[in-house]
PDB file of N, CA and C in Angstrom:
ATOM      1  N   MET A   1     102.657 112.436 121.855  1.00  0.00           N
ATOM      2  CA  MET A   1     101.598 112.539 121.055  1.00  0.00           C
ATOM      3  C   MET A   1     100.920 110.929 120.907  1.00  0.00           C
ATOM      4  N   ALA A   2     100.986 109.699 121.341  1.00  0.00           N
ATOM      5  CA  ALA A   2     100.949 108.618 121.076  1.00  0.00           C
ATOM      6  C   ALA A   2      99.829 108.051 122.326  1.00  0.00           C
ATOM      7  N   ARG A   3     100.546 108.807 122.921  1.00  0.00           N
ATOM      8  CA  ARG A   3      99.734 108.198 124.609  1.00  0.00           C
ATOM      9  C   ARG A   3      98.350 109.133 124.413  1.00  0.00           C
ATOM     10  N   GLU A   4      98.778 110.427 123.962  1.00  0.00           N
ATOM     11  CA  GLU A   4      97.176 111.024 123.937  1.00  0.00           C
ATOM     12  C   GLU A   4      96.206 110.415 123.267  1.00  0.00           C
ATOM     13  N   ALA A   5      96.862 109.832 122.032  1.00  0.00           N
ATOM     14  CA  ALA A   5      95.957 109.224 121.066  1.00  0.00           C
ATOM     15  C   ALA A   5      95.050 108.291 121.474  1.00  0.00           C
ATOM     16  N   LEU A   6      96.563 107.587 122.338  1.00  0.00           N
ATOM     17  CA  LEU A   6      95.103 106.291 122.705  1.00  0.00           C
ATOM     18  C   LEU A   6      94.784 106.644 123.821  1.00  0.00           C
ATOM     19  N   ALA A   7      94.719 107.887 124.619  1.00  0.00           N
ATOM     20  CA  ALA A   7      93.681 107.838 125.750  1.00  0.00           C
ATOM     21  C   ALA A   7      92.827 108.517 125.331  1.00  0.00           C
ATOM     22  N   GLU A   8      92.571 108.785 124.027  1.00  0.00           N
ATOM     23  CA  GLU A   8      91.104 109.213 123.283  1.00  0.00           C
ATOM     24  C   GLU A   8      90.501 108.283 122.631  1.00  0.00           C
ATOM     25  N   LEU A   9      91.111 107.174 122.068  1.00  0.00           N
ATOM     26  CA  LEU A   9      90.717 106.004 121.794  1.00  0.00           C
ATOM     27  C   LEU A   9      90.230 105.012 122.645  1.00  0.00           C
ATOM     28  N   LEU A  10      90.953 104.882 124.169  1.00  0.00           N
ATOM     29  CA  LEU A  10      89.844 104.451 124.674  1.00  0.00           C
ATOM     30  C   LEU A  10      88.974 104.989 125.359  1.00  0.00           C
ATOM     31  N   THR A  11      88.511 106.291 125.433  1.00  0.00           N
ATOM     32  CA  THR A  11      87.733 106.429 125.819  1.00  0.00           C
ATOM     33  C   THR A  11      86.773 106.970 124.776  1.00  0.00           C
ATOM     34  N   TYR A  12      86.728 107.273 123.365  1.00  0.00           N
ATOM     35  CA  TYR A  12      85.581 106.669 122.583  1.00  0.00           C
ATOM     36  C   TYR A  12      85.208 105.425 122.322  1.00  0.00           C
ATOM     37  N   VAL A  13      86.122 104.191 122.057  1.00  0.00           N
ATOM     38  CA  VAL A  13      86.001 103.463 121.705  1.00  0.00           C
ATOM     39  C   VAL A  13      85.827 102.099 122.204  1.00  0.00           C
ATOM     40  N   ASP A  14      84.431 101.418 122.411  1.00  0.00           N
ATOM     41  CA  ASP A  14      84.337 100.681 123.460  1.00  0.00           C
ATOM     42  C   ASP A  14      85.492  99.178 122.956  1.00  0.00           C
ATOM     43  N   PHE A  15      86.235  98.898 123.000  1.00  0.00           N
ATOM     44  CA  PHE A  15      87.027  98.110 122.419  1.00  0.00           C
ATOM     45  C   PHE A  15      86.800  96.173 122.991  1.00  0.00           C
ATOM     46  N   SER A  16      85.310  96.314 123.624  1.00  0.00           N
ATOM     47  CA  SER A  16      85.132  94.946 124.379  1.00  0.00           C
ATOM     48  C   SER A  16      84.145  94.474 123.538  1.00  0.00           C
ATOM     49  N   LYS A  17      83.622  94.890 122.715  1.00  0.00           N
ATOM     50  CA  LYS A  17      82.665  94.735 121.539  1.00  0.00           C
ATOM     51  C   LYS A  17      83.734  93.846 120.503  1.00  0.00           C
ATOM     52  N   SER A  18      83.335  93.694 118.828  1.00  0.00           N
ATOM     53  CA  SER A  18      84.017  92.709 118.256  1.00  0.00           C
ATOM     54  C   SER A  18      84.679  94.018 117.198  1.00  0.00           C
ATOM     55  N   PHE A  19      85.901  93.104 116.698  1.00  0.00           N
ATOM     56  CA  PHE A  19      86.849  94.048 115.724  1.00  0.00           C
ATOM     57  C   PHE A  19      85.724  94.945 114.646  1.00  0.00           C
ATOM     58  N   GLU A  20      84.462  93.624 114.123  1.00  0.00           N
ATOM     59  CA  GLU A  20      84.512  94.471 112.803  1.00  0.00           C
ATOM     60  C   GLU A  20      83.509  95.795 113.592  1.00  0.00           C
ATOM     61  N   LYS A  21      82.764  95.680 114.757  1.00  0.00           N
ATOM     62  CA  LYS A  21      82.158  96.764 115.295  1.00  0.00           C
ATOM     63  C   LYS A  21      83.303  97.985 115.372  1.00  0.00           C
ATOM     64  N   VAL A  22      84.284  97.510 116.101  1.00  0.00           N
ATOM     65  CA  VAL A  22      85.110  98.785 116.489  1.00  0.00           C
ATOM     66  C   VAL A  22      86.061  99.194 115.049  1.00  0.00           C
ATOM     67  N   ARG A  23      85.868  98.432 113.643  1.00  0.00           N
ATOM     68  CA  ARG A  23      86.133  99.135 112.541  1.00  0.00           C
ATOM     69  C   ARG A  23      85.371  99.553 111.849  1.00  0.00           C
ATOM     70  N   GLY A  24      84.236  99.342 112.571  1.00  0.00           N
ATOM     71  CA  GLY A  24      82.944 100.265 111.350  1.00  0.00           C
ATOM     72  C   GLY A  24      82.269 101.168 112.200  1.00  0.00           C
ATOM     73  N   TYR A  25      83.107 101.703 113.347  1.00  0.00           N
ATOM     74  CA  TYR A  25      82.913 102.777 114.345  1.00  0.00           C
ATOM     75  C   TYR A  25      84.144 103.502 113.799  1.00  0.00           C
ATOM     76  N   LEU A  26      85.170 103.334 113.653  1.00  0.00           N
ATOM     77  CA  LEU A  26      86.308 103.905 113.134  1.00  0.00           C
ATOM     78  C   LEU A  26      87.206 103.659 111.954  1.00  0.00           C
ATOM     79  N   LYS A  27      85.934 104.161 110.545  1.00  0.00           N
ATOM     80  CA  LYS A  27      85.697 104.199 109.158  1.00  0.00           C
ATOM     81  C   LYS A  27      86.344 104.541 108.608  1.00  0.00           C
ATOM     82  N   LEU A  28      87.599 103.695 107.557  1.00  0.00           N
ATOM     83  CA  LEU A  28      88.887 103.987 107.060  1.00  0.00           C
ATOM     84  C   LEU A  28      88.694 104.928 105.739  1.00  0.00           C
ATOM     85  N   PHE A  29      87.422 104.910 105.315  1.00  0.00           N
ATOM     86  CA  PHE A  29      87.022 105.419 104.035  1.00  0.00           C
ATOM     87  C   PHE A  29      86.403 107.103 103.860  1.00  0.00           C
ATOM     88  N   ARG A  30      85.977 107.567 103.272  1.00  0.00           N
ATOM     89  CA  ARG A  30      86.096 108.709 102.961  1.00  0.00           C
ATOM     90  C   ARG A  30      84.727 109.167 103.790  1.00  0.00           C
ATOM     91  N   ARG A  31      84.201 110.371 103.693  1.00  0.00           N
ATOM     92  CA  ARG A  31      83.045 110.725 105.177  1.00  0.00           C
ATOM     93  C   ARG A  31      81.939 110.983 103.884  1.00  0.00           C
ATOM     94  N   ARG A  32      80.772 110.311 104.266  1.00  0.00           N
ATOM     95  CA  ARG A  32      79.821 110.360 103.413  1.00  0.00           C
ATOM     96  C   ARG A  32      78.888 111.327 103.913  1.00  0.00           C
ATOM     97  N   LEU A  33      78.129 112.004 103.242  1.00  0.00           N
ATOM     98  CA  LEU A  33      77.060 112.763 103.888  1.00  0.00           C
ATOM     99  C   LEU A  33      75.778 111.906 104.195  1.00  0.00           C
ATOM    100  N   TYR A  34      75.650 110.928 103.553  1.00  0.00           N
ATOM    101  CA  TYR A  34      74.017 110.093 104.251  1.00  0.00           C
ATOM    102  C   TYR A  34      74.702 109.583 105.425  1.00  0.00           C
ATOM    103  N   ASP A  35      75.844 109.419 105.810  1.00  0.00           N
ATOM    104  CA  ASP A  35      76.800 108.637 106.567  1.00  0.00           C
ATOM    105  C   ASP A  35      77.116 109.485 107.246  1.00  0.00           C
ATOM    106  N   MET A  36      76.630 109.574 108.569  1.00  0.00           N
ATOM    107  CA  MET A  36      77.635 110.196 109.980  1.00  0.00           C
ATOM    108  C   MET A  36      77.499 109.346 111.181  1.00  0.00           C
ATOM    109  N   ARG A  37      76.965 108.311 111.167  1.00  0.00           N
ATOM    110  CA  ARG A  37      77.548 107.428 112.329  1.00  0.00           C
ATOM    111  C   ARG A  37      78.863 107.024 112.985  1.00  0.00           C
ATOM    112  N   TYR A  38      79.973 107.306 112.348  1.00  0.00           N
ATOM    113  CA  TYR A  38      81.089 107.187 113.027  1.00  0.00           C
ATOM    114  C   TYR A  38      81.663 108.466 113.573  1.00  0.00           C
ATOM    115  N   GLY A  39      82.536 107.871 114.922  1.00  0.00           N
ATOM    116  CA  GLY A  39      83.245 109.076 115.680  1.00  0.00           C
ATOM    117  C   GLY A  39      84.353 109.515 114.895  1.00  0.00           C
ATOM    118  N   HIS A  40      84.677 111.205 114.477  1.00  0.00           N
ATOM    119  CA  HIS A  40      85.202 111.619 113.951  1.00  0.00           C
ATOM    120  C   HIS A  40      86.619 112.104 114.810  1.00  0.00           C
ATOM    121  N   GLU A  41      86.288 112.013 115.968  1.00  0.00           N
ATOM    122  CA  GLU A  41      87.409 112.596 116.952  1.00  0.00           C
ATOM    123  C   GLU A  41      88.371 111.386 116.984  1.00  0.00           C
ATOM    124  N   ALA A  42      87.408 109.688 117.379  1.00  0.00           N
ATOM    125  CA  ALA A  42      87.701 108.703 117.564  1.00  0.00           C
ATOM    126  C   ALA A  42      88.832 108.152 115.800  1.00  0.00           C
ATOM    127  N   ARG A  43      88.593 108.825 114.933  1.00  0.00           N
ATOM    128  CA  ARG A  43      88.922 108.479 113.717  1.00  0.00           C
ATOM    129  C   ARG A  43      89.759 109.116 113.427  1.00  0.00           C
ATOM    130  N   GLU A  44      90.087 110.651 113.931  1.00  0.00           N
ATOM    131  CA  GLU A  44      91.210 111.020 114.157  1.00  0.00           C
ATOM    132  C   GLU A  44      92.306 111.223 115.168  1.00  0.00           C
ATOM    133  N   ALA A  45      92.318 110.917 116.004  1.00  0.00           N
ATOM    134  CA  ALA A  45      92.689 110.132 117.509  1.00  0.00           C
ATOM    135  C   ALA A  45      93.445 108.762 116.813  1.00  0.00           C
ATOM    136  N   SER A  46      92.563 108.762 115.865  1.00  0.00           N
ATOM    137  CA  SER A  46      93.603 106.425 115.392  1.00  0.00           C
ATOM    138  C   SER A  46      94.192 106.556 114.535  1.00  0.00           C
ATOM    139  N   VAL A  47      94.195 108.114 113.174  1.00  0.00           N
ATOM    140  CA  VAL A  47      95.508 108.342 112.396  1.00  0.00           C
ATOM    141  C   VAL A  47      96.910 109.125 113.171  1.00  0.00           C
ATOM    142  N   ARG A  48      96.474 110.026 114.364  1.00  0.00           N
ATOM    143  CA  ARG A  48      97.158 110.231 115.235  1.00  0.00           C
ATOM    144  C   ARG A  48      98.117 109.652 115.614  1.00  0.00           C
ATOM    145  N   LEU A  49      97.495 108.044 116.575  1.00  0.00           N
ATOM    146  CA  LEU A  49      98.195 107.653 116.906  1.00  0.00           C
ATOM    147  C   LEU A  49      99.119 106.610 115.834  1.00  0.00           C
ATOM    148  N   THR A  50      98.529 105.795 115.073  1.00  0.00           N
ATOM    149  CA  THR A  50      99.162 105.250 113.585  1.00  0.00           C
ATOM    150  C   THR A  50     100.173 106.001 112.888  1.00  0.00           C
ATOM    151  N   ILE A  51     100.671 107.611 112.731  1.00  0.00           N
ATOM    152  CA  ILE A  51     101.729 108.150 112.363  1.00  0.00           C
ATOM    153  C   ILE A  51     102.483 108.517 113.957  1.00  0.00           C
ATOM    154  N   ALA A  52     101.898 108.418 114.743  1.00  0.00           N
ATOM    155  CA  ALA A  52     103.281 107.973 116.128  1.00  0.00           C
ATOM    156  C   ALA A  52     104.345 106.610 115.744  1.00  0.00           C
ATOM    157  N   VAL A  53     102.922 105.572 115.423  1.00  0.00           N
ATOM    158  CA  VAL A  53     104.007 104.154 116.048  1.00  0.00           C
ATOM    159  C   VAL A  53     104.302 104.401 114.432  1.00  0.00           C
ATOM    160  N   ILE A  54     104.015 104.234 113.030  1.00  0.00           N
ATOM    161  CA  ILE A  54     104.528 103.845 112.196  1.00  0.00           C
ATOM    162  C   ILE A  54     106.087 105.094 111.545  1.00  0.00           C
ATOM    163  N   CYS A  55     105.868 106.269 111.993  1.00  0.00           N
ATOM    164  CA  CYS A  55     106.349 107.100 111.663  1.00  0.00           C
ATOM    165  C   CYS A  55     106.364 107.706 110.069  1.00  0.00           C
ATOM    166  N   ARG A  56     105.159 107.680 110.304  1.00  0.00           N
ATOM    167  CA  ARG A  56     105.189 108.448 108.435  1.00  0.00           C
ATOM    168  C   ARG A  56     103.673 109.157 108.647  1.00  0.00           C
ATOM    169  N   ASN A  57     104.215 110.716 107.606  1.00  0.00           N
ATOM    170  CA  ASN A  57     102.940 111.418 107.981  1.00  0.00           C
ATOM    171  C   ASN A  57     102.166 111.086 107.445  1.00  0.00           C
ATOM    172  N   LYS A  58     101.885 110.358 106.275  1.00  0.00           N
ATOM    173  CA  LYS A  58     100.507 109.909 105.931  1.00  0.00           C
ATOM    174  C   LYS A  58     100.569 108.134 105.728  1.00  0.00           C
ATOM    175  N   PRO A  59      99.994 108.326 106.833  1.00  0.00           N
ATOM    176  CA  PRO A  59      99.415 106.808 107.141  1.00  0.00           C
ATOM    177  C   PRO A  59      98.598 106.050 105.662  1.00  0.00           C
ATOM    178  N   ARG A  60      98.784 104.821 105.595  1.00  0.00           N
ATOM    179  CA  ARG A  60      98.146 103.810 104.617  1.00  0.00           C
ATOM    180  C   ARG A  60      96.987 103.369 105.518  1.00  0.00           C
ATOM    181  N   ALA A  61      95.612 102.974 104.944  1.00  0.00           N
ATOM    182  CA  ALA A  61      94.581 102.405 105.351  1.00  0.00           C
ATOM    183  C   ALA A  61      95.450 101.006 106.011  1.00  0.00           C
ATOM    184  N   ARG A  62      95.908 100.145 105.556  1.00  0.00           N
ATOM    185  CA  ARG A  62      96.229  99.112 105.677  1.00  0.00           C
ATOM    186  C   ARG A  62      97.376  99.172 106.941  1.00  0.00           C
ATOM    187  N   GLU A  63      97.923 100.655 107.040  1.00  0.00           N
ATOM    188  CA  GLU A  63      98.539 100.643 109.128  1.00  0.00           C
ATOM    189  C   GLU A  63      97.606 100.562 110.068  1.00  0.00           C
ATOM    190  N   GLN A  64      96.928 101.465 109.568  1.00  0.00           N
ATOM    191  CA  GLN A  64      96.153 102.065 110.387  1.00  0.00           C
ATOM    192  C   GLN A  64      95.530 100.361 110.496  1.00  0.00           C
ATOM    193  N   GLU A  65      95.078  99.715 110.034  1.00  0.00           N
ATOM    194  CA  GLU A  65      94.502  98.844 110.428  1.00  0.00           C
ATOM    195  C   GLU A  65      94.963  97.767 111.199  1.00  0.00           C
ATOM    196  N   ASP A  66      96.130  97.803 111.059  1.00  0.00           N
ATOM    197  CA  ASP A  66      96.729  96.962 111.437  1.00  0.00           C
ATOM    198  C   ASP A  66      97.274  97.828 113.394  1.00  0.00           C
ATOM    199  N   VAL A  67      96.876  98.727 113.206  1.00  0.00           N
ATOM    200  CA  VAL A  67      97.149  99.658 114.533  1.00  0.00           C
ATOM    201  C   VAL A  67      96.079  99.300 115.389  1.00  0.00           C
ATOM    202  N   ARG A  68      95.394  99.614 114.856  1.00  0.00           N
ATOM    203  CA  ARG A  68      93.957  99.451 115.462  1.00  0.00           C
ATOM    204  C   ARG A  68      93.396  97.758 115.614  1.00  0.00           C
ATOM    205  N   MET A  69      93.616  96.522 114.814  1.00  0.00           N
ATOM    206  CA  MET A  69      94.111  95.487 115.460  1.00  0.00           C
ATOM    207  C   MET A  69      95.086  95.017 116.425  1.00  0.00           C
ATOM    208  N   ARG A  70      96.134  95.416 116.520  1.00  0.00           N
ATOM    209  CA  ARG A  70      97.042  95.359 117.442  1.00  0.00           C
ATOM    210  C   ARG A  70      96.271  95.756 119.192  1.00  0.00           C
ATOM    211  N   ILE A  71      95.737  96.763 118.542  1.00  0.00           N
ATOM    212  CA  ILE A  71      95.393  97.510 120.234  1.00  0.00           C
ATOM    213  C   ILE A  71      93.971  96.207 120.599  1.00  0.00           C
ATOM    214  N   TRP A  72      93.418  95.440 119.467  1.00  0.00           N
ATOM    215  CA  TRP A  72      92.144  95.609 120.249  1.00  0.00           C
ATOM    216  C   TRP A  72      92.846  94.195 120.962  1.00  0.00           C
ATOM    217  N   LEU A  73      93.533  93.694 120.344  1.00  0.00           N
ATOM    218  CA  LEU A  73      94.377  92.392 120.702  1.00  0.00           C
ATOM    219  C   LEU A  73      94.646  92.246 122.258  1.00  0.00           C
ATOM    220  N   THR A  74      95.359  93.689 122.250  1.00  0.00           N
ATOM    221  CA  THR A  74      96.054  93.874 123.310  1.00  0.00           C
ATOM    222  C   THR A  74      94.725  93.995 124.559  1.00  0.00           C
ATOM    223  N   TYR A  75      93.961  94.670 124.139  1.00  0.00           N
ATOM    224  CA  TYR A  75      93.073  95.151 124.856  1.00  0.00           C
ATOM    225  C   TYR A  75      92.269  93.758 125.329  1.00  0.00           C
ATOM    226  N   LYS A  76      92.056  92.717 124.684  1.00  0.00           N
ATOM    227  CA  LYS A  76      91.057  91.253 125.034  1.00  0.00           C
ATOM    228  C   LYS A  76      92.441  90.629 125.773  1.00  0.00           C
ATOM    229  N   GLN A  77      93.489  90.785 126.016  1.00  0.00           N
ATOM    230  CA  GLN A  77      94.544  90.285 125.806  1.00  0.00           C
ATOM    231  C   GLN A  77      94.383  90.335 128.094  1.00  0.00           C
ATOM    232  N   GLU A  78      94.185  91.660 128.066  1.00  0.00           N
ATOM    233  CA  GLU A  78      94.636  92.146 129.121  1.00  0.00           C
ATOM    234  C   GLU A  78      92.955  92.440 129.892  1.00  0.00           C
ATOM    235  N   THR A  79      92.371  91.966 129.626  1.00  0.00           N
ATOM    236  CA  THR A  79      90.525  91.859 129.896  1.00  0.00           C
ATOM    237  C   THR A  79      90.367  90.570 129.839  1.00  0.00           C
ATOM    238  N   GLN A  80      90.438  89.737 129.655  1.00  0.00           N
ATOM    239  CA  GLN A  80      90.429  88.330 129.783  1.00  0.00           C
ATOM    240  C   GLN A  80      91.390  87.822 130.501  1.00  0.00           C
ATOM    241  N   ARG A  81      92.231  87.648 131.466  1.00  0.00           N
ATOM    242  CA  ARG A  81      93.219  87.139 132.485  1.00  0.00           C
ATOM    243  C   ARG A  81      92.362  87.092 133.482  1.00  0.00           C
ATOM    244  N   PRO A  82      92.730  85.624 133.949  1.00  0.00           N
ATOM    245  CA  PRO A  82      92.180  85.306 135.394  1.00  0.00           C
ATOM    246  C   PRO A  82      92.312  86.104 136.338  1.00  0.00           C
ATOM    247  N   ALA A  83      91.168  86.019 137.664  1.00  0.00           N
ATOM    248  CA  ALA A  83      90.715  86.968 138.376  1.00  0.00           C
ATOM    249  C   ALA A  83      91.900  87.122 139.436  1.00  0.00           C
ATOM    250  N   ASP A  84      92.327  85.771 139.583  1.00  0.00           N
ATOM    251  CA  ASP A  84      93.032  85.584 140.808  1.00  0.00           C
ATOM    252  C   ASP A  84      94.846  85.956 140.403  1.00  0.00           C
ATOM    253  N   ILE A  85      95.173  86.090 139.075  1.00  0.00           N
ATOM    254  CA  ILE A  85      96.439  86.532 138.611  1.00  0.00           C
ATOM    255  C   ILE A  85      96.697  88.159 138.250  1.00  0.00           C
ATOM    256  N   PRO A  86      97.333  88.615 139.132  1.00  0.00           N
ATOM    257  CA  PRO A  86      97.568  89.971 139.380  1.00  0.00           C
ATOM    258  C   PRO A  86      98.635  90.463 137.815  1.00  0.00           C
ATOM    259  N   ALA A  87      98.168  91.556 136.860  1.00  0.00           N
ATOM    260  CA  ALA A  87      99.121  92.056 135.781  1.00  0.00           C
ATOM    261  C   ALA A  87     100.628  91.533 135.937  1.00  0.00           C
ATOM    262  N   GLN A  88     100.414  91.954 136.759  1.00  0.00           N
ATOM    263  CA  GLN A  88     102.818  91.544 137.004  1.00  0.00           C
ATOM    264  C   GLN A  88     102.981  90.615 137.368  1.00  0.00           C
ATOM    265  N   GLN A  89     102.387  89.504 137.672  1.00  0.00           N
ATOM    266  CA  GLN A  89     102.892  88.184 137.710  1.00  0.00           C
ATOM    267  C   GLN A  89     102.502  87.274 136.467  1.00  0.00           C
ATOM    268  N   GLN A  90     101.549  87.502 135.550  1.00  0.00           N
ATOM    269  CA  GLN A  90     101.075  86.887 134.652  1.00  0.00           C
ATOM    270  C   GLN A  90     102.558  87.252 133.353  1.00  0.00           C
ATOM    271  N   GLY A  91     102.943  86.197 132.878  1.00  0.00           N
ATOM    272  CA  GLY A  91     103.884  85.897 131.457  1.00  0.00           C
ATOM    273  C   GLY A  91     103.165  86.595 130.451  1.00  0.00           C
TER     274      GLY A  91
END
């Protein structure tokens, strides 16, 4: 379940942008009628991933935020490595 949710998040969300923009796209608060600009499918995938990582049926917003930050940081570290060093050799 976690791998599927992570694959969905990587499909829907552009993690190369700043964390504030990623967080804005995956809003944590209730859906408003006038604000339909965020990705509902991506938000649901984020909730499923948090449930799988935290092992709690109803994750808190802070836990969701921590999981999103961890994904964003991992993405940034993996994409900003030097081009001449393969991923397997870098410590």
